[in-house]
N, C-alpha and C. Protein backbone atom coordinates (compact mmCIF):
# COMPACT_ATOMS: atom_id res chain seq x y z
N MET A 1 80.00 137.30 -178.55
CA MET A 1 79.30 136.47 -179.51
C MET A 1 79.96 136.59 -180.87
N THR A 2 81.16 137.01 -180.92
CA THR A 2 81.88 137.16 -182.17
C THR A 2 81.94 135.82 -182.91
N GLY A 3 81.69 135.88 -184.23
CA GLY A 3 81.78 134.68 -185.03
C GLY A 3 80.47 133.93 -185.19
N LEU A 4 79.46 134.30 -184.42
CA LEU A 4 78.17 133.62 -184.55
C LEU A 4 77.30 134.39 -185.53
N VAL A 5 76.51 133.64 -186.27
CA VAL A 5 75.64 134.26 -187.26
C VAL A 5 74.64 135.18 -186.58
N ASP A 6 74.21 136.19 -187.30
CA ASP A 6 73.26 137.16 -186.78
C ASP A 6 71.84 136.68 -187.05
N ILE A 7 71.44 135.65 -186.33
CA ILE A 7 70.12 135.05 -186.47
C ILE A 7 69.50 134.99 -185.09
N ALA A 8 68.25 135.39 -185.01
CA ALA A 8 67.56 135.36 -183.72
C ALA A 8 67.20 133.92 -183.35
N VAL A 9 67.48 133.58 -182.11
CA VAL A 9 67.09 132.27 -181.57
C VAL A 9 66.12 132.54 -180.43
N GLU A 10 65.01 131.82 -180.44
CA GLU A 10 63.99 131.97 -179.40
C GLU A 10 63.90 130.70 -178.58
N ASN A 11 63.58 130.86 -177.31
CA ASN A 11 63.31 129.71 -176.45
C ASN A 11 61.82 129.46 -176.50
N ASP A 12 61.42 128.39 -177.16
CA ASP A 12 60.03 127.96 -177.20
C ASP A 12 59.82 127.00 -176.04
N ALA A 13 59.66 127.56 -174.84
CA ALA A 13 59.60 126.76 -173.62
C ALA A 13 58.44 125.77 -173.62
N ALA A 14 57.33 126.14 -174.24
CA ALA A 14 56.17 125.25 -174.29
C ALA A 14 56.49 123.96 -175.05
N ALA A 15 57.39 124.05 -176.02
CA ALA A 15 57.77 122.89 -176.83
C ALA A 15 59.14 122.34 -176.44
N ASN A 16 59.76 122.90 -175.38
CA ASN A 16 61.08 122.45 -174.93
C ASN A 16 62.11 122.47 -176.06
N ARG A 17 62.26 123.63 -176.68
CA ARG A 17 63.24 123.74 -177.75
C ARG A 17 63.64 125.20 -177.96
N PHE A 18 64.87 125.37 -178.42
CA PHE A 18 65.34 126.66 -178.91
C PHE A 18 65.18 126.59 -180.42
N VAL A 19 64.66 127.65 -181.03
CA VAL A 19 64.41 127.63 -182.47
C VAL A 19 65.01 128.84 -183.16
N ALA A 20 65.45 128.61 -184.38
CA ALA A 20 65.90 129.67 -185.29
C ALA A 20 65.14 129.46 -186.59
N ARG A 21 64.49 130.51 -187.04
CA ARG A 21 63.75 130.43 -188.30
C ARG A 21 64.52 131.22 -189.35
N VAL A 22 64.91 130.51 -190.41
CA VAL A 22 65.74 131.11 -191.46
C VAL A 22 65.21 130.66 -192.82
N ASP A 23 64.99 131.61 -193.70
CA ASP A 23 64.55 131.30 -195.07
C ASP A 23 63.34 130.38 -195.08
N GLY A 24 62.40 130.60 -194.18
CA GLY A 24 61.17 129.81 -194.13
C GLY A 24 61.33 128.42 -193.53
N GLN A 25 62.50 128.12 -192.99
CA GLN A 25 62.75 126.81 -192.38
C GLN A 25 63.10 126.99 -190.91
N THR A 26 62.92 125.91 -190.15
CA THR A 26 63.17 125.97 -188.71
C THR A 26 64.29 125.02 -188.32
N ALA A 27 65.26 125.56 -187.60
CA ALA A 27 66.31 124.76 -186.97
C ALA A 27 66.01 124.75 -185.49
N GLU A 28 66.36 123.66 -184.80
CA GLU A 28 66.00 123.59 -183.39
C GLU A 28 67.00 122.79 -182.58
N LEU A 29 67.03 123.11 -181.29
CA LEU A 29 67.77 122.34 -180.31
C LEU A 29 66.74 121.96 -179.24
N GLN A 30 66.45 120.67 -179.15
CA GLN A 30 65.45 120.18 -178.21
C GLN A 30 66.09 119.95 -176.84
N TYR A 31 65.30 120.17 -175.79
CA TYR A 31 65.83 119.99 -174.45
C TYR A 31 64.77 119.47 -173.49
N GLU A 32 65.25 118.99 -172.35
CA GLU A 32 64.39 118.62 -171.22
C GLU A 32 64.83 119.50 -170.06
N ARG A 33 63.89 120.18 -169.44
CA ARG A 33 64.21 121.11 -168.36
C ARG A 33 63.80 120.50 -167.02
N PHE A 34 64.69 120.60 -166.06
CA PHE A 34 64.46 120.16 -164.69
C PHE A 34 64.77 121.34 -163.78
N PRO A 35 64.37 121.28 -162.51
CA PRO A 35 64.61 122.43 -161.63
C PRO A 35 66.08 122.86 -161.55
N ASP A 36 67.00 121.91 -161.60
CA ASP A 36 68.42 122.24 -161.40
C ASP A 36 69.30 122.02 -162.62
N ARG A 37 68.71 121.53 -163.72
CA ARG A 37 69.54 121.21 -164.89
C ARG A 37 68.71 121.25 -166.17
N ILE A 38 69.44 121.29 -167.28
CA ILE A 38 68.83 121.21 -168.59
C ILE A 38 69.58 120.14 -169.38
N VAL A 39 68.83 119.22 -169.96
CA VAL A 39 69.41 118.15 -170.78
C VAL A 39 69.23 118.57 -172.24
N LEU A 40 70.33 118.77 -172.93
CA LEU A 40 70.29 119.18 -174.33
C LEU A 40 70.29 117.90 -175.17
N VAL A 41 69.14 117.63 -175.76
CA VAL A 41 68.83 116.31 -176.32
C VAL A 41 69.23 116.15 -177.78
N HIS A 42 68.85 117.10 -178.63
CA HIS A 42 69.03 116.88 -180.08
C HIS A 42 69.04 118.23 -180.80
N THR A 43 69.96 118.36 -181.73
CA THR A 43 70.02 119.55 -182.60
C THR A 43 69.67 119.12 -184.01
N GLU A 44 68.76 119.86 -184.63
CA GLU A 44 68.34 119.55 -186.00
C GLU A 44 68.38 120.83 -186.84
N VAL A 45 69.17 120.79 -187.91
CA VAL A 45 69.25 121.91 -188.84
C VAL A 45 68.94 121.35 -190.23
N PRO A 46 67.94 121.90 -190.92
CA PRO A 46 67.63 121.42 -192.27
C PRO A 46 68.87 121.47 -193.18
N ALA A 47 68.96 120.52 -194.09
CA ALA A 47 70.12 120.41 -194.97
C ALA A 47 70.43 121.72 -195.69
N ALA A 48 69.41 122.43 -196.12
CA ALA A 48 69.62 123.67 -196.86
C ALA A 48 70.25 124.77 -196.01
N LEU A 49 70.19 124.63 -194.69
CA LEU A 49 70.73 125.66 -193.79
C LEU A 49 72.07 125.28 -193.17
N ARG A 50 72.53 124.08 -193.41
CA ARG A 50 73.77 123.62 -192.78
C ARG A 50 74.98 124.39 -193.30
N GLY A 51 76.00 124.47 -192.44
CA GLY A 51 77.22 125.15 -192.81
C GLY A 51 77.17 126.66 -192.63
N ARG A 52 76.13 127.15 -191.99
CA ARG A 52 75.97 128.60 -191.80
C ARG A 52 76.13 129.02 -190.34
N GLY A 53 76.50 128.09 -189.48
CA GLY A 53 76.72 128.43 -188.08
C GLY A 53 75.47 128.46 -187.23
N ILE A 54 74.37 127.97 -187.77
CA ILE A 54 73.10 128.02 -187.05
C ILE A 54 73.11 127.08 -185.85
N ALA A 55 73.65 125.89 -186.01
CA ALA A 55 73.72 124.95 -184.88
C ALA A 55 74.59 125.53 -183.76
N ASP A 56 75.70 126.18 -184.12
CA ASP A 56 76.54 126.85 -183.12
C ASP A 56 75.74 127.90 -182.37
N LYS A 57 74.96 128.68 -183.10
CA LYS A 57 74.15 129.74 -182.47
C LYS A 57 73.12 129.13 -181.53
N LEU A 58 72.50 128.03 -181.92
CA LEU A 58 71.54 127.35 -181.04
C LEU A 58 72.22 126.88 -179.76
N ALA A 59 73.38 126.24 -179.90
CA ALA A 59 74.11 125.74 -178.73
C ALA A 59 74.53 126.90 -177.83
N HIS A 60 75.07 127.95 -178.42
CA HIS A 60 75.49 129.13 -177.65
C HIS A 60 74.31 129.70 -176.85
N THR A 61 73.17 129.85 -177.51
CA THR A 61 71.99 130.41 -176.86
C THR A 61 71.52 129.52 -175.72
N ALA A 62 71.50 128.21 -175.94
CA ALA A 62 71.07 127.29 -174.89
C ALA A 62 72.00 127.34 -173.69
N LEU A 63 73.29 127.42 -173.94
CA LEU A 63 74.26 127.46 -172.84
C LEU A 63 74.21 128.79 -172.09
N GLU A 64 73.99 129.87 -172.79
CA GLU A 64 73.83 131.17 -172.12
C GLU A 64 72.55 131.18 -171.29
N TYR A 65 71.50 130.54 -171.79
CA TYR A 65 70.26 130.40 -171.03
C TYR A 65 70.52 129.61 -169.75
N ALA A 66 71.24 128.50 -169.87
CA ALA A 66 71.56 127.68 -168.69
C ALA A 66 72.33 128.50 -167.67
N ARG A 67 73.28 129.28 -168.13
CA ARG A 67 74.07 130.11 -167.21
C ARG A 67 73.17 131.14 -166.51
N ALA A 68 72.33 131.80 -167.26
CA ALA A 68 71.45 132.83 -166.69
C ALA A 68 70.45 132.25 -165.69
N GLU A 69 70.03 131.01 -165.93
CA GLU A 69 69.05 130.35 -165.06
C GLU A 69 69.71 129.52 -163.96
N HIS A 70 71.04 129.54 -163.88
CA HIS A 70 71.81 128.78 -162.88
C HIS A 70 71.52 127.28 -162.97
N LEU A 71 71.53 126.77 -164.21
CA LEU A 71 71.27 125.36 -164.46
C LEU A 71 72.56 124.64 -164.81
N ARG A 72 72.66 123.39 -164.42
CA ARG A 72 73.73 122.52 -164.89
C ARG A 72 73.30 121.96 -166.23
N VAL A 73 74.27 121.58 -167.05
CA VAL A 73 74.01 121.12 -168.40
C VAL A 73 74.40 119.65 -168.55
N VAL A 74 73.49 118.89 -169.17
CA VAL A 74 73.77 117.50 -169.54
C VAL A 74 73.71 117.46 -171.07
N PRO A 75 74.85 117.33 -171.75
CA PRO A 75 74.87 117.36 -173.21
C PRO A 75 74.65 115.98 -173.83
N ARG A 76 73.41 115.56 -173.94
CA ARG A 76 73.11 114.27 -174.56
C ARG A 76 73.29 114.33 -176.08
N CYS A 77 73.11 115.49 -176.66
CA CYS A 77 73.27 115.68 -178.10
C CYS A 77 74.76 115.67 -178.46
N PRO A 78 75.18 114.83 -179.41
CA PRO A 78 76.59 114.78 -179.81
C PRO A 78 77.11 116.12 -180.32
N PHE A 79 76.28 116.88 -181.03
CA PHE A 79 76.74 118.18 -181.51
C PHE A 79 77.05 119.11 -180.34
N VAL A 80 76.16 119.17 -179.36
CA VAL A 80 76.39 120.04 -178.20
C VAL A 80 77.61 119.58 -177.42
N ALA A 81 77.80 118.28 -177.28
CA ALA A 81 78.99 117.76 -176.59
C ALA A 81 80.26 118.23 -177.30
N ALA A 82 80.27 118.17 -178.62
CA ALA A 82 81.43 118.63 -179.40
C ALA A 82 81.60 120.14 -179.26
N TYR A 83 80.51 120.88 -179.26
CA TYR A 83 80.57 122.33 -179.09
C TYR A 83 81.21 122.67 -177.74
N LEU A 84 80.82 121.94 -176.70
CA LEU A 84 81.38 122.17 -175.37
C LEU A 84 82.88 121.89 -175.33
N ARG A 85 83.33 120.89 -176.07
CA ARG A 85 84.77 120.60 -176.12
C ARG A 85 85.53 121.75 -176.78
N ARG A 86 84.89 122.41 -177.74
CA ARG A 86 85.54 123.53 -178.44
C ARG A 86 85.43 124.85 -177.69
N HIS A 87 84.57 124.89 -176.67
CA HIS A 87 84.32 126.14 -175.94
C HIS A 87 84.46 125.91 -174.44
N PRO A 88 85.69 125.92 -173.95
CA PRO A 88 85.94 125.63 -172.53
C PRO A 88 85.30 126.64 -171.58
N GLU A 89 84.88 127.79 -172.08
CA GLU A 89 84.25 128.77 -171.22
C GLU A 89 82.92 128.29 -170.64
N TYR A 90 82.40 127.18 -171.16
CA TYR A 90 81.15 126.63 -170.65
C TYR A 90 81.35 125.38 -169.79
N GLN A 91 82.57 124.97 -169.56
CA GLN A 91 82.84 123.74 -168.80
C GLN A 91 82.25 123.79 -167.39
N ASP A 92 82.19 124.98 -166.81
CA ASP A 92 81.65 125.10 -165.45
C ASP A 92 80.17 124.77 -165.37
N LEU A 93 79.49 124.72 -166.50
CA LEU A 93 78.06 124.41 -166.51
C LEU A 93 77.77 122.91 -166.51
N LEU A 94 78.77 122.10 -166.87
CA LEU A 94 78.54 120.66 -167.00
C LEU A 94 78.18 120.02 -165.67
N LEU A 95 77.19 119.15 -165.72
CA LEU A 95 76.81 118.36 -164.55
C LEU A 95 77.72 117.14 -164.52
N HIS A 96 78.51 117.05 -163.48
CA HIS A 96 79.41 115.91 -163.32
C HIS A 96 78.78 114.93 -162.35
N THR A 97 78.61 113.70 -162.80
CA THR A 97 78.00 112.68 -161.95
C THR A 97 79.08 111.69 -161.51
N PRO A 98 78.93 111.17 -160.30
CA PRO A 98 79.94 110.21 -159.79
C PRO A 98 79.92 108.91 -160.55
């Protein structure tokens, strides 16, 4: 996890989102969970928190969760799709459709 900010990210499964609370604000990565896959829908980081690596930490945590749960990943969120392009170690998680 070298290079990622030291911020705790929690899986708020009841709300279908990973959250990081920093300086009284909440950043989140929303998802839809299915038995065999997770669709990563949208990443939102408040303007005051941008540029601190929080979105990267959210994406990393979501992808590690998918790996641990043996889920395929559908990156609907443009940020997560770009993160996956920069991190080939997660390519095996992608759900490839015909």
